[in-house]
C-alpha atoms as a PDB file:
ATOM      1  CA  MET A   1       0.000   0.000   0.000  1.00  0.00           C
ATOM      2  CA  THR A   2       1.488   3.318  -1.065  1.00  0.00           C
ATOM      3  CA  ALA A   3       0.579   6.843  -0.081  1.00  0.00           C
ATOM      4  CA  TRP A   4      -1.141   7.513  -3.408  1.00  0.00           C
ATOM      5  CA  THR A   5      -3.155   4.278  -3.602  1.00  0.00           C
ATOM      6  CA  SER A   6      -5.992   5.669  -1.475  1.00  0.00           C
ATOM      7  CA  GLN A   7      -6.213   8.739  -3.741  1.00  0.00           C
ATOM      8  CA  ILE A   8      -7.111   6.765  -6.905  1.00  0.00           C
ATOM      9  CA  LYS A   9     -10.801   6.814  -5.974  1.00  0.00           C
ATOM     10  CA  ASP A  10     -10.801  10.613  -6.074  1.00  0.00           C
ATOM     11  CA  TYR A  11     -10.059  10.752  -9.817  1.00  0.00           C
ATOM     12  CA  SER A  12     -11.752  10.072 -13.118  1.00  0.00           C
ATOM     13  CA  PHE A  13      -9.656   8.342 -15.761  1.00  0.00           C
ATOM     14  CA  LEU A  14      -9.818   7.762 -19.484  1.00  0.00           C
ATOM     15  CA  VAL A  15      -8.234   4.420 -20.391  1.00  0.00           C
ATOM     16  CA  THR A  16      -7.885   3.951 -24.133  1.00  0.00           C
ATOM     17  CA  GLY A  17      -7.574   0.393 -25.344  1.00  0.00           C
ATOM     18  CA  SER A  18      -9.554  -0.732 -22.299  1.00  0.00           C
ATOM     19  CA  ALA A  19     -10.572  -3.934 -24.086  1.00  0.00           C
ATOM     20  CA  GLY A  20      -6.925  -4.653 -24.903  1.00  0.00           C
ATOM     21  CA  PHE A  21      -4.532  -6.678 -22.789  1.00  0.00           C
ATOM     22  CA  ILE A  22      -2.770  -4.048 -20.677  1.00  0.00           C
ATOM     23  CA  GLY A  23      -5.675  -1.595 -20.878  1.00  0.00           C
ATOM     24  CA  TYR A  24      -8.088  -4.142 -19.428  1.00  0.00           C
ATOM     25  CA  HIS A  25      -5.844  -4.863 -16.460  1.00  0.00           C
ATOM     26  CA  VAL A  26      -5.116  -1.193 -15.757  1.00  0.00           C
ATOM     27  CA  ALA A  27      -8.805  -0.254 -16.002  1.00  0.00           C
ATOM     28  CA  ARG A  28      -9.731  -3.136 -13.701  1.00  0.00           C
ATOM     29  CA  ALA A  29      -7.159  -2.068 -11.098  1.00  0.00           C
ATOM     30  CA  LEU A  30      -8.395   1.547 -11.176  1.00  0.00           C
ATOM     31  CA  LEU A  31     -12.017   0.418 -10.846  1.00  0.00           C
ATOM     32  CA  ALA A  32     -11.171  -1.939  -7.995  1.00  0.00           C
ATOM     33  CA  ALA A  33      -9.602   1.045  -6.197  1.00  0.00           C
ATOM     34  CA  GLY A  34     -12.878   2.977  -6.565  1.00  0.00           C
ATOM     35  CA  ALA A  35     -12.087   5.278  -9.491  1.00  0.00           C
ATOM     36  CA  ALA A  36     -14.454   6.321 -12.261  1.00  0.00           C
ATOM     37  CA  VAL A  37     -13.123   4.962 -15.542  1.00  0.00           C
ATOM     38  CA  VAL A  38     -14.181   5.670 -19.108  1.00  0.00           C
ATOM     39  CA  GLY A  39     -12.913   2.888 -21.336  1.00  0.00           C
ATOM     40  CA  LEU A  40     -12.429   3.512 -25.052  1.00  0.00           C
ATOM     41  CA  ASP A  41     -11.854   0.803 -27.659  1.00  0.00           C
ATOM     42  CA  ASN A  42     -12.534   0.252 -31.348  1.00  0.00           C
ATOM     43  CA  TYR A  43     -12.473  -3.579 -31.178  1.00  0.00           C
ATOM     44  CA  SER A  44     -10.208  -3.872 -34.204  1.00  0.00           C
ATOM     45  CA  ASP A  45      -9.863  -7.246 -35.857  1.00  0.00           C
ATOM     46  CA  TYR A  46      -6.046  -7.375 -35.588  1.00  0.00           C
ATOM     47  CA  TYR A  47      -6.850 -10.326 -33.343  1.00  0.00           C
ATOM     48  CA  ASP A  48     -10.183 -11.913 -32.446  1.00  0.00           C
ATOM     49  CA  PRO A  49     -12.524  -9.149 -31.178  1.00  0.00           C
ATOM     50  CA  ALA A  50     -14.402 -11.773 -29.136  1.00  0.00           C
ATOM     51  CA  LEU A  51     -11.542 -11.769 -26.616  1.00  0.00           C
ATOM     52  CA  LYS A  52     -11.816  -7.987 -26.371  1.00  0.00           C
ATOM     53  CA  ARG A  53     -15.595  -8.232 -25.860  1.00  0.00           C
ATOM     54  CA  ASP A  54     -15.000 -10.701 -23.036  1.00  0.00           C
ATOM     55  CA  ARG A  55     -12.563  -8.326 -21.355  1.00  0.00           C
ATOM     56  CA  ASP A  56     -15.044  -5.470 -21.707  1.00  0.00           C
ATOM     57  CA  ARG A  57     -17.791  -7.656 -20.215  1.00  0.00           C
ATOM     58  CA  GLU A  58     -15.604  -8.193 -17.153  1.00  0.00           C
ATOM     59  CA  LEU A  59     -15.101  -4.446 -16.718  1.00  0.00           C
ATOM     60  CA  ARG A  60     -18.816  -3.708 -17.071  1.00  0.00           C
ATOM     61  CA  GLN A  61     -19.384  -5.495 -13.769  1.00  0.00           C
ATOM     62  CA  PHE A  62     -17.942  -2.434 -12.020  1.00  0.00           C
ATOM     63  CA  PRO A  63     -20.462   0.405 -11.458  1.00  0.00           C
ATOM     64  CA  GLY A  64     -17.764   3.026 -12.063  1.00  0.00           C
ATOM     65  CA  PHE A  65     -17.067   1.858 -15.610  1.00  0.00           C
ATOM     66  CA  THR A  66     -18.339   3.518 -18.781  1.00  0.00           C
ATOM     67  CA  SER A  67     -17.617   1.687 -22.026  1.00  0.00           C
ATOM     68  CA  ILE A  68     -17.372   3.663 -25.267  1.00  0.00           C
ATOM     69  CA  THR A  69     -16.798   2.234 -28.725  1.00  0.00           C
ATOM     70  CA  ALA A  70     -14.927   4.684 -30.935  1.00  0.00           C
ATOM     71  CA  ASP A  71     -11.785   5.014 -33.006  1.00  0.00           C
ATOM     72  CA  LEU A  72      -8.886   7.241 -31.988  1.00  0.00           C
ATOM     73  CA  SER A  73      -8.881   8.822 -35.434  1.00  0.00           C
ATOM     74  CA  ASP A  74     -12.499   9.976 -34.968  1.00  0.00           C
ATOM     75  CA  LEU A  75     -11.811  13.419 -33.523  1.00  0.00           C
ATOM     76  CA  ALA A  76     -15.510  14.324 -33.239  1.00  0.00           C
ATOM     77  CA  ALA A  77     -16.218  11.235 -31.137  1.00  0.00           C
ATOM     78  CA  LEU A  78     -13.263  12.012 -28.889  1.00  0.00           C
ATOM     79  CA  GLU A  79     -14.388  15.624 -28.485  1.00  0.00           C
ATOM     80  CA  GLU A  80     -17.822  14.395 -27.376  1.00  0.00           C
ATOM     81  CA  LEU A  81     -16.196  12.008 -24.891  1.00  0.00           C
ATOM     82  CA  PHE A  82     -14.118  14.817 -23.378  1.00  0.00           C
ATOM     83  CA  ARG A  83     -17.127  17.173 -23.212  1.00  0.00           C
ATOM     84  CA  THR A  84     -19.274  14.572 -21.498  1.00  0.00           C
ATOM     85  CA  HIS A  85     -16.809  12.960 -19.111  1.00  0.00           C
ATOM     86  CA  ALA A  86     -13.931  15.466 -18.668  1.00  0.00           C
ATOM     87  CA  PRO A  87     -11.379  12.892 -17.460  1.00  0.00           C
ATOM     88  CA  GLN A  88      -8.792  14.213 -15.039  1.00  0.00           C
ATOM     89  CA  LYS A  89      -6.085  11.769 -16.083  1.00  0.00           C
ATOM     90  CA  ILE A  90      -5.470   9.820 -19.274  1.00  0.00           C
ATOM     91  CA  CYS A  91      -3.905   6.391 -19.599  1.00  0.00           C
ATOM     92  CA  HIS A  92      -3.436   5.941 -23.332  1.00  0.00           C
ATOM     93  CA  LEU A  93      -2.865   2.250 -24.082  1.00  0.00           C
ATOM     94  CA  ALA A  94      -4.675   1.908 -27.410  1.00  0.00           C
ATOM     95  CA  ALA A  95      -2.445   1.387 -30.431  1.00  0.00           C
ATOM     96  CA  GLN A  96      -1.877  -0.752 -33.463  1.00  0.00           C
ATOM     97  CA  ALA A  97       0.541  -3.272 -32.004  1.00  0.00           C
ATOM     98  CA  GLY A  98       2.985  -5.725 -33.513  1.00  0.00           C
ATOM     99  CA  VAL A  99       6.382  -5.357 -35.158  1.00  0.00           C
ATOM    100  CA  ARG A 100       5.857  -7.866 -37.978  1.00  0.00           C
ATOM    101  CA  TYR A 101       2.359  -6.663 -38.869  1.00  0.00           C
ATOM    102  CA  SER A 102       3.754  -3.169 -39.479  1.00  0.00           C
ATOM    103  CA  LEU A 103       5.624  -4.563 -42.474  1.00  0.00           C
ATOM    104  CA  ILE A 104       2.400  -5.573 -44.242  1.00  0.00           C
ATOM    105  CA  ASN A 105      -0.202  -3.056 -43.040  1.00  0.00           C
ATOM    106  CA  PRO A 106       1.692   0.191 -42.402  1.00  0.00           C
ATOM    107  CA  PHE A 107      -1.224   2.596 -42.739  1.00  0.00           C
ATOM    108  CA  SER A 108      -3.037   1.140 -39.725  1.00  0.00           C
ATOM    109  CA  TYR A 109      -0.049   2.353 -37.661  1.00  0.00           C
ATOM    110  CA  GLN A 110      -0.224   5.819 -39.162  1.00  0.00           C
ATOM    111  CA  LYS A 111      -3.918   6.055 -38.326  1.00  0.00           C
ATOM    112  CA  ALA A 112      -3.865   4.708 -34.765  1.00  0.00           C
ATOM    113  CA  ASN A 113      -0.381   5.449 -33.462  1.00  0.00           C
ATOM    114  CA  LEU A 114       0.197   8.860 -35.051  1.00  0.00           C
ATOM    115  CA  GLU A 115      -3.129  10.478 -35.931  1.00  0.00           C
ATOM    116  CA  GLY A 116      -4.917   8.972 -32.920  1.00  0.00           C
ATOM    117  CA  PHE A 117      -2.120   9.982 -30.566  1.00  0.00           C
ATOM    118  CA  LEU A 118      -2.148  13.557 -31.859  1.00  0.00           C
ATOM    119  CA  ASN A 119      -5.932  13.759 -31.399  1.00  0.00           C
ATOM    120  CA  LEU A 120      -5.601  12.761 -27.751  1.00  0.00           C
ATOM    121  CA  LEU A 121      -2.736  15.162 -27.102  1.00  0.00           C
ATOM    122  CA  GLU A 122      -4.754  18.021 -28.561  1.00  0.00           C
ATOM    123  CA  LEU A 123      -7.813  17.240 -26.447  1.00  0.00           C
ATOM    124  CA  ALA A 124      -5.706  16.710 -23.324  1.00  0.00           C
ATOM    125  CA  LYS A 125      -4.229  20.165 -23.922  1.00  0.00           C
ATOM    126  CA  ARG A 126      -7.630  21.762 -24.348  1.00  0.00           C
ATOM    127  CA  LEU A 127      -9.268  20.272 -21.240  1.00  0.00           C
ATOM    128  CA  PRO A 128      -6.545  20.246 -19.732  1.00  0.00           C
ATOM    129  CA  VAL A 129      -5.826  16.955 -17.969  1.00  0.00           C
ATOM    130  CA  GLU A 130      -3.599  16.581 -14.916  1.00  0.00           C
ATOM    131  CA  ARG A 131      -1.393  13.885 -16.428  1.00  0.00           C
ATOM    132  CA  PHE A 132      -1.158  12.086 -19.755  1.00  0.00           C
ATOM    133  CA  VAL A 133       0.397   8.616 -19.449  1.00  0.00           C
ATOM    134  CA  TYR A 134       0.942   6.643 -22.639  1.00  0.00           C
ATOM    135  CA  ALA A 135       2.381   3.339 -23.793  1.00  0.00           C
ATOM    136  CA  SER A 136       5.631   3.474 -25.651  1.00  0.00           C
ATOM    137  CA  SER A 137       7.607   0.295 -26.315  1.00  0.00           C
ATOM    138  CA  SER A 138      10.952  -1.405 -25.832  1.00  0.00           C
ATOM    139  CA  SER A 139      11.034  -1.589 -29.635  1.00  0.00           C
ATOM    140  CA  VAL A 140      12.256   2.029 -29.736  1.00  0.00           C
ATOM    141  CA  TYR A 141      15.706   0.740 -28.779  1.00  0.00           C
ATOM    142  CA  GLY A 142      15.877  -0.658 -32.311  1.00  0.00           C
ATOM    143  CA  GLY A 143      19.246  -2.003 -33.330  1.00  0.00           C
ATOM    144  CA  LEU A 144      21.079  -1.002 -30.141  1.00  0.00           C
ATOM    145  CA  THR A 145      23.284  -3.767 -28.769  1.00  0.00           C
ATOM    146  CA  GLU A 146      24.473  -2.307 -25.459  1.00  0.00           C
ATOM    147  CA  LEU A 147      22.442  -4.031 -22.729  1.00  0.00           C
ATOM    148  CA  PRO A 148      20.569  -3.326 -20.566  1.00  0.00           C
ATOM    149  CA  PHE A 149      18.577  -0.697 -22.454  1.00  0.00           C
ATOM    150  CA  SER A 150      18.540   2.616 -20.617  1.00  0.00           C
ATOM    151  CA  GLU A 151      16.366   5.697 -21.078  1.00  0.00           C
ATOM    152  CA  ALA A 152      19.625   7.670 -21.404  1.00  0.00           C
ATOM    153  CA  GLN A 153      20.529   5.908 -24.675  1.00  0.00           C
ATOM    154  CA  ARG A 154      19.807   7.593 -28.003  1.00  0.00           C
ATOM    155  CA  VAL A 155      16.910   5.921 -29.787  1.00  0.00           C
ATOM    156  CA  ASP A 156      17.154   7.381 -33.277  1.00  0.00           C
ATOM    157  CA  THR A 157      17.498   4.100 -35.197  1.00  0.00           C
ATOM    158  CA  PRO A 158      14.132   2.256 -35.169  1.00  0.00           C
ATOM    159  CA  ILE A 159      14.146  -0.898 -37.285  1.00  0.00           C
ATOM    160  CA  SER A 160      10.378  -1.281 -37.723  1.00  0.00           C
ATOM    161  CA  LEU A 161       7.567   1.126 -38.523  1.00  0.00           C
ATOM    162  CA  TYR A 162       5.893   0.151 -35.241  1.00  0.00           C
ATOM    163  CA  ALA A 163       9.000   1.280 -33.346  1.00  0.00           C
ATOM    164  CA  ALA A 164       9.176   4.474 -35.406  1.00  0.00           C
ATOM    165  CA  THR A 165       5.580   5.381 -34.508  1.00  0.00           C
ATOM    166  CA  LYS A 166       6.222   4.763 -30.808  1.00  0.00           C
ATOM    167  CA  ARG A 167       9.307   6.974 -30.896  1.00  0.00           C
ATOM    168  CA  ALA A 168       7.286   9.592 -32.771  1.00  0.00           C
ATOM    169  CA  ASP A 169       4.716   9.491 -29.948  1.00  0.00           C
ATOM    170  CA  GLU A 170       7.468  10.264 -27.445  1.00  0.00           C
ATOM    171  CA  LEU A 171       8.607  13.233 -29.552  1.00  0.00           C
ATOM    172  CA  MET A 172       5.078  14.579 -30.044  1.00  0.00           C
ATOM    173  CA  ALA A 173       4.506  14.303 -26.293  1.00  0.00           C
ATOM    174  CA  HIS A 174       7.714  16.266 -25.717  1.00  0.00           C
ATOM    175  CA  ALA A 175       6.492  19.031 -28.024  1.00  0.00           C
ATOM    176  CA  TYR A 176       3.139  19.296 -26.213  1.00  0.00           C
ATOM    177  CA  THR A 177       4.844  19.296 -22.820  1.00  0.00           C
ATOM    178  CA  HIS A 178       7.215  22.047 -23.963  1.00  0.00           C
ATOM    179  CA  LEU A 179       4.627  24.194 -25.739  1.00  0.00           C
ATOM    180  CA  PHE A 180       1.558  23.743 -23.561  1.00  0.00           C
ATOM    181  CA  SER A 181       2.875  22.488 -20.188  1.00  0.00           C
ATOM    182  CA  LEU A 182       0.982  19.213 -20.611  1.00  0.00           C
ATOM    183  CA  PRO A 183       2.458  16.703 -18.117  1.00  0.00           C
ATOM    184  CA  THR A 184       3.274  13.513 -20.028  1.00  0.00           C
ATOM    185  CA  VAL A 185       4.745  10.144 -19.023  1.00  0.00           C
ATOM    186  CA  GLY A 186       5.844   7.585 -21.619  1.00  0.00           C
ATOM    187  CA  LEU A 187       6.194   3.954 -20.553  1.00  0.00           C
ATOM    188  CA  ARG A 188       8.480   1.682 -22.536  1.00  0.00           C
ATOM    189  CA  TYR A 189       6.913  -1.714 -21.888  1.00  0.00           C
ATOM    190  CA  PHE A 190       9.033  -4.860 -22.231  1.00  0.00           C
ATOM    191  CA  THR A 191       7.342  -8.083 -23.503  1.00  0.00           C
ATOM    192  CA  VAL A 192       4.276  -8.133 -21.268  1.00  0.00           C
ATOM    193  CA  TYR A 193       2.523 -11.466 -20.668  1.00  0.00           C
ATOM    194  CA  GLY A 194      -0.077 -12.980 -18.357  1.00  0.00           C
ATOM    195  CA  PRO A 195      -3.803 -13.801 -18.091  1.00  0.00           C
ATOM    196  CA  TRP A 196      -6.027 -12.179 -20.733  1.00  0.00           C
ATOM    197  CA  GLY A 197      -2.893 -11.768 -22.891  1.00  0.00           C
ATOM    198  CA  ARG A 198      -2.619 -11.192 -26.623  1.00  0.00           C
ATOM    199  CA  PRO A 199      -2.998 -14.130 -29.049  1.00  0.00           C
ATOM    200  CA  ASP A 200      -0.339 -12.704 -31.372  1.00  0.00           C
ATOM    201  CA  MET A 201       2.426 -12.866 -28.759  1.00  0.00           C
ATOM    202  CA  ALA A 202       4.836 -15.718 -28.124  1.00  0.00           C
ATOM    203  CA  MET A 203       3.440 -16.996 -24.835  1.00  0.00           C
ATOM    204  CA  TRP A 204      -0.071 -17.500 -26.286  1.00  0.00           C
ATOM    205  CA  LEU A 205       1.140 -18.630 -29.725  1.00  0.00           C
ATOM    206  CA  PHE A 206       3.409 -21.276 -28.227  1.00  0.00           C
ATOM    207  CA  THR A 207       0.760 -22.502 -25.782  1.00  0.00           C
ATOM    208  CA  ALA A 208      -1.940 -22.798 -28.437  1.00  0.00           C
ATOM    209  CA  ALA A 209       0.353 -24.613 -30.886  1.00  0.00           C
ATOM    210  CA  MET A 210       1.765 -27.006 -28.296  1.00  0.00           C
ATOM    211  CA  LEU A 211      -1.676 -27.999 -27.020  1.00  0.00           C
ATOM    212  CA  ALA A 212      -2.785 -28.578 -30.630  1.00  0.00           C
ATOM    213  CA  GLY A 213       0.254 -30.746 -31.381  1.00  0.00           C
ATOM    214  CA  LYS A 214       1.542 -28.234 -33.927  1.00  0.00           C
ATOM    215  CA  PRO A 215       5.110 -26.932 -34.322  1.00  0.00           C
ATOM    216  CA  ILE A 216       6.094 -23.589 -32.833  1.00  0.00           C
ATOM    217  CA  LYS A 217       8.080 -21.053 -34.833  1.00  0.00           C
ATOM    218  CA  VAL A 218      11.311 -20.269 -32.986  1.00  0.00           C
ATOM    219  CA  PHE A 219      13.054 -17.325 -34.622  1.00  0.00           C
ATOM    220  CA  ASN A 220      16.777 -16.575 -34.698  1.00  0.00           C
ATOM    221  CA  PHE A 221      17.212 -20.356 -34.325  1.00  0.00           C
ATOM    222  CA  GLY A 222      16.299 -20.053 -30.662  1.00  0.00           C
ATOM    223  CA  ARG A 223      18.924 -17.433 -29.845  1.00  0.00           C
ATOM    224  CA  MET A 224      16.405 -14.842 -28.687  1.00  0.00           C
ATOM    225  CA  ARG A 225      16.314 -13.193 -25.278  1.00  0.00           C
ATOM    226  CA  ARG A 226      13.382 -11.194 -24.003  1.00  0.00           C
ATOM    227  CA  ASP A 227      12.688  -9.259 -20.821  1.00  0.00           C
ATOM    228  CA  PHE A 228       9.371 -11.011 -20.095  1.00  0.00           C
ATOM    229  CA  THR A 229       7.360  -8.860 -17.681  1.00  0.00           C
ATOM    230  CA  TYR A 230       4.282 -10.141 -15.854  1.00  0.00           C
ATOM    231  CA  ILE A 231       1.116  -8.103 -16.214  1.00  0.00           C
ATOM    232  CA  ASP A 232       0.611  -7.449 -12.478  1.00  0.00           C
ATOM    233  CA  ASP A 233       4.031  -5.777 -12.294  1.00  0.00           C
ATOM    234  CA  ILE A 234       3.216  -3.691 -15.372  1.00  0.00           C
ATOM    235  CA  VAL A 235      -0.076  -2.578 -13.808  1.00  0.00           C
ATOM    236  CA  GLN A 236       1.656  -1.427 -10.643  1.00  0.00           C
ATOM    237  CA  GLY A 237       4.187   0.570 -12.643  1.00  0.00           C
ATOM    238  CA  THR A 238       1.463   2.125 -14.769  1.00  0.00           C
ATOM    239  CA  LEU A 239      -0.650   3.120 -11.769  1.00  0.00           C
ATOM    240  CA  ALA A 240       2.420   4.718 -10.219  1.00  0.00           C
ATOM    241  CA  ALA A 241       3.021   6.675 -13.427  1.00  0.00           C
ATOM    242  CA  LEU A 242      -0.544   7.981 -13.173  1.00  0.00           C
ATOM    243  CA  MET A 243      -0.448   8.821  -9.490  1.00  0.00           C
ATOM    244  CA  VAL A 244       3.041   9.379  -8.038  1.00  0.00           C
ATOM    245  CA  PRO A 245       3.517  13.055  -7.120  1.00  0.00           C
ATOM    246  CA  GLY A 246       6.594  15.066  -7.968  1.00  0.00           C
ATOM    247  CA  LEU A 247       7.353  13.779 -11.453  1.00  0.00           C
ATOM    248  CA  ALA A 248       8.913  16.081 -14.018  1.00  0.00           C
ATOM    249  CA  SER A 249       6.580  17.498 -16.639  1.00  0.00           C
ATOM    250  CA  TYR A 250       8.097  15.167 -19.270  1.00  0.00           C
ATOM    251  CA  GLU A 251       9.107  11.667 -18.265  1.00  0.00           C
ATOM    252  CA  ILE A 252       9.989   8.379 -19.943  1.00  0.00           C
ATOM    253  CA  PHE A 253      10.430   5.132 -18.016  1.00  0.00           C
ATOM    254  CA  ASN A 254      11.358   1.558 -18.823  1.00  0.00           C
ATOM    255  CA  LEU A 255       8.935  -0.942 -17.315  1.00  0.00           C
ATOM    256  CA  GLY A 256      10.465  -4.403 -17.524  1.00  0.00           C
ATOM    257  CA  ASN A 257      11.436  -7.340 -15.348  1.00  0.00           C
ATOM    258  CA  ASN A 258      15.139  -6.357 -15.443  1.00  0.00           C
ATOM    259  CA  HIS A 259      16.104  -9.815 -16.668  1.00  0.00           C
ATOM    260  CA  ALA A 260      16.731 -11.092 -20.200  1.00  0.00           C
ATOM    261  CA  GLU A 261      15.291 -14.605 -20.470  1.00  0.00           C
ATOM    262  CA  GLU A 262      16.492 -17.131 -23.025  1.00  0.00           C
ATOM    263  CA  LEU A 263      13.551 -18.091 -25.235  1.00  0.00           C
ATOM    264  CA  THR A 264      14.594 -21.721 -24.922  1.00  0.00           C
ATOM    265  CA  ARG A 265      14.069 -21.509 -21.149  1.00  0.00           C
ATOM    266  CA  VAL A 266      10.591 -20.061 -21.644  1.00  0.00           C
ATOM    267  CA  ILE A 267       9.740 -22.941 -23.982  1.00  0.00           C
ATOM    268  CA  ALA A 268      11.078 -25.453 -21.449  1.00  0.00           C
ATOM    269  CA  LEU A 269       8.870 -23.975 -18.718  1.00  0.00           C
ATOM    270  CA  LEU A 270       5.848 -24.121 -21.034  1.00  0.00           C
ATOM    271  CA  GLU A 271       6.640 -27.781 -21.792  1.00  0.00           C
ATOM    272  CA  GLN A 272       6.846 -28.509 -18.093  1.00  0.00           C
ATOM    273  CA  GLU A 273       3.581 -26.727 -17.308  1.00  0.00           C
ATOM    274  CA  LEU A 274       1.634 -28.138 -20.265  1.00  0.00           C
ATOM    275  CA  GLY A 275       3.071 -31.635 -20.096  1.00  0.00           C
ATOM    276  CA  VAL A 276       3.792 -31.429 -23.829  1.00  0.00           C
ATOM    277  CA  GLU A 277       7.086 -31.474 -25.708  1.00  0.00           C
ATOM    278  CA  ALA A 278       7.326 -28.623 -28.181  1.00  0.00           C
ATOM    279  CA  GLN A 279       7.955 -29.324 -31.846  1.00  0.00           C
ATOM    280  CA  LYS A 280      10.367 -26.532 -32.712  1.00  0.00           C
ATOM    281  CA  GLU A 281      10.592 -25.052 -36.196  1.00  0.00           C
ATOM    282  CA  LEU A 282      13.887 -23.139 -36.077  1.00  0.00           C
ATOM    283  CA  LEU A 283      13.831 -20.066 -38.323  1.00  0.00           C
ATOM    284  CA  PRO A 284      16.072 -17.033 -39.004  1.00  0.00           C
ATOM    285  CA  ILE A 285      15.409 -13.741 -37.242  1.00  0.00           C
ATOM    286  CA  GLN A 286      12.570 -11.795 -38.839  1.00  0.00           C
ATOM    287  CA  PRO A 287      12.796  -8.276 -40.292  1.00  0.00           C
ATOM    288  CA  GLY A 288      12.159  -5.707 -37.552  1.00  0.00           C
ATOM    289  CA  ASP A 289      12.991  -8.116 -34.696  1.00  0.00           C
ATOM    290  CA  VAL A 290      15.857  -7.601 -32.259  1.00  0.00           C
ATOM    291  CA  PRO A 291      17.810 -10.530 -30.804  1.00  0.00           C
ATOM    292  CA  ALA A 292      17.630  -9.355 -27.191  1.00  0.00           C
ATOM    293  CA  THR A 293      15.788  -6.955 -24.888  1.00  0.00           C
ATOM    294  CA  PHE A 294      16.752  -6.156 -21.305  1.00  0.00           C
ATOM    295  CA  ALA A 295      15.383  -3.218 -19.308  1.00  0.00           C
ATOM    296  CA  ASP A 296      17.432  -0.990 -17.050  1.00  0.00           C
ATOM    297  CA  ILE A 297      14.756  -0.010 -14.526  1.00  0.00           C
ATOM    298  CA  ARG A 298      16.762   2.135 -12.128  1.00  0.00           C
ATOM    299  CA  ARG A 299      14.856   5.326 -13.003  1.00  0.00           C
ATOM    300  CA  ALA A 300      11.488   3.603 -12.561  1.00  0.00           C
ATOM    301  CA  ARG A 301      12.640   2.200  -9.212  1.00  0.00           C
ATOM    302  CA  GLU A 302      13.767   5.606  -8.017  1.00  0.00           C
ATOM    303  CA  LYS A 303      10.881   7.767  -9.238  1.00  0.00           C
ATOM    304  CA  LEU A 304       7.929   5.325  -9.419  1.00  0.00           C
ATOM    305  CA  GLY A 305       8.857   2.852  -6.708  1.00  0.00           C
ATOM    306  CA  PHE A 306       8.699   0.171  -9.396  1.00  0.00           C
ATOM    307  CA  HIS A 307       9.792  -3.237  -8.126  1.00  0.00           C
ATOM    308  CA  PRO A 308       8.746  -6.132 -10.391  1.00  0.00           C
ATOM    309  CA  SER A 309       8.321  -9.243  -8.273  1.00  0.00           C
ATOM    310  CA  THR A 310       7.092 -11.987 -10.625  1.00  0.00           C
ATOM    311  CA  PRO A 311       9.698 -14.279 -12.208  1.00  0.00           C
ATOM    312  CA  ILE A 312       8.671 -16.369 -15.216  1.00  0.00           C
ATOM    313  CA  THR A 313       8.691 -19.448 -12.983  1.00  0.00           C
ATOM    314  CA  ALA A 314       5.638 -17.941 -11.251  1.00  0.00           C
ATOM    315  CA  GLY A 315       4.121 -16.006 -14.147  1.00  0.00           C
ATOM    316  CA  ILE A 316       3.995 -18.797 -16.715  1.00  0.00           C
ATOM    317  CA  PRO A 317       1.974 -21.189 -14.498  1.00  0.00           C
ATOM    318  CA  ARG A 318      -0.506 -18.371 -13.777  1.00  0.00           C
ATOM    319  CA  PHE A 319      -0.909 -17.689 -17.489  1.00  0.00           C
ATOM    320  CA  ILE A 320      -1.373 -21.382 -18.309  1.00  0.00           C
ATOM    321  CA  LYS A 321      -3.957 -21.784 -15.533  1.00  0.00           C
ATOM    322  CA  TRP A 322      -5.956 -18.853 -16.917  1.00  0.00           C
ATOM    323  CA  TYR A 323      -5.572 -20.102 -20.510  1.00  0.00           C
ATOM    324  CA  ARG A 324      -7.005 -23.500 -19.611  1.00  0.00           C
ATOM    325  CA  GLU A 325      -9.921 -21.950 -17.710  1.00  0.00           C
ATOM    326  CA  TYR A 326     -10.730 -19.434 -20.460  1.00  0.00           C
ATOM    327  CA  HIS A 327     -10.778 -22.102 -23.154  1.00  0.00           C
ATOM    328  CA  GLY A 328     -12.619 -24.663 -21.026  1.00  0.00           C
ATOM    329  CA  LEU A 329      -9.673 -27.044 -20.992  1.00  0.00           C
ATOM    330  CA  PRO A 330      -8.996 -29.495 -18.150  1.00  0.00           C
ATOM    331  CA  ALA A 331      -6.641 -28.257 -15.487  1.00  0.00           C
ATOM    332  CA  SER A 332      -3.122 -29.625 -15.386  1.00  0.00           C
ATOM    333  CA  SER A 333      -2.239 -32.169 -12.723  1.00  0.00           C
ATOM    334  CA  ALA A 334      -0.200 -29.474 -10.999  1.00  0.00           C
ATOM    335  CA  ASP A 335      -3.243 -27.214 -10.451  1.00  0.00           C
END
């Protein structure tokens, strides 16, 4: 329990992407603390919208939740939302995600991650809001090889359009902070996983394929390392970014587990938990991918009190337990 936890109930929040993975969990935590939350989502078909509808259904059980279906690029709809609800703080988690998808559908990134972001910045300036927190990404570190990745490093060499749009968001936020004194906080998330996760990410893809007896695609011939970060730790860091007093008017933080995990170890833990041996299809690294991510979280520790506490040995079993329950599958013998 922190000093600011009890103050959450005194605020109204806009959470964009509330039917998405991180957005759902952040909105749920705010609602559980007694806040009023307006959730915005467009239920895009990048992955099955039914999962997003199920997340939204969970949030609707809270009396403080208002669900709105709209697109970030629809400025008129956003203006109506701000007129009606006047949120005091924004947690902007909606975006077109995915590094590889940005190679084949680039304009969806322009629409959501650039135009949509600018719309929200402009409305946050007009209201104005007390703090604008937004999701950036570890992908902004691009082709850098010096690990761990630190916020002090230059990030001018994105190697995917997705990464370029996330870096552009950070720069647009800087301009609005400088010009209009809009307090902004960018969060560079590192490979988030856990219950209600995304079907396009490795943890879900591997689990689904292994249970179906299908091969899993293991890129860079298995020589990948990722800073897998459990959703509960990400939520705590995000709430702190929304609530901690005394932040500078422009901030960027890494939110990661501060540990680069070998992908082969993650697969071994999934095999152990599922009781299935993975059929591995070893493939070269894909365009836009980086071989390793590893977050330096010293700034987040110091200024947000961020202390991730969930190793993959605890997080993976929790994800698998949820996955089985959600899909109506029998529990493992370990449950």
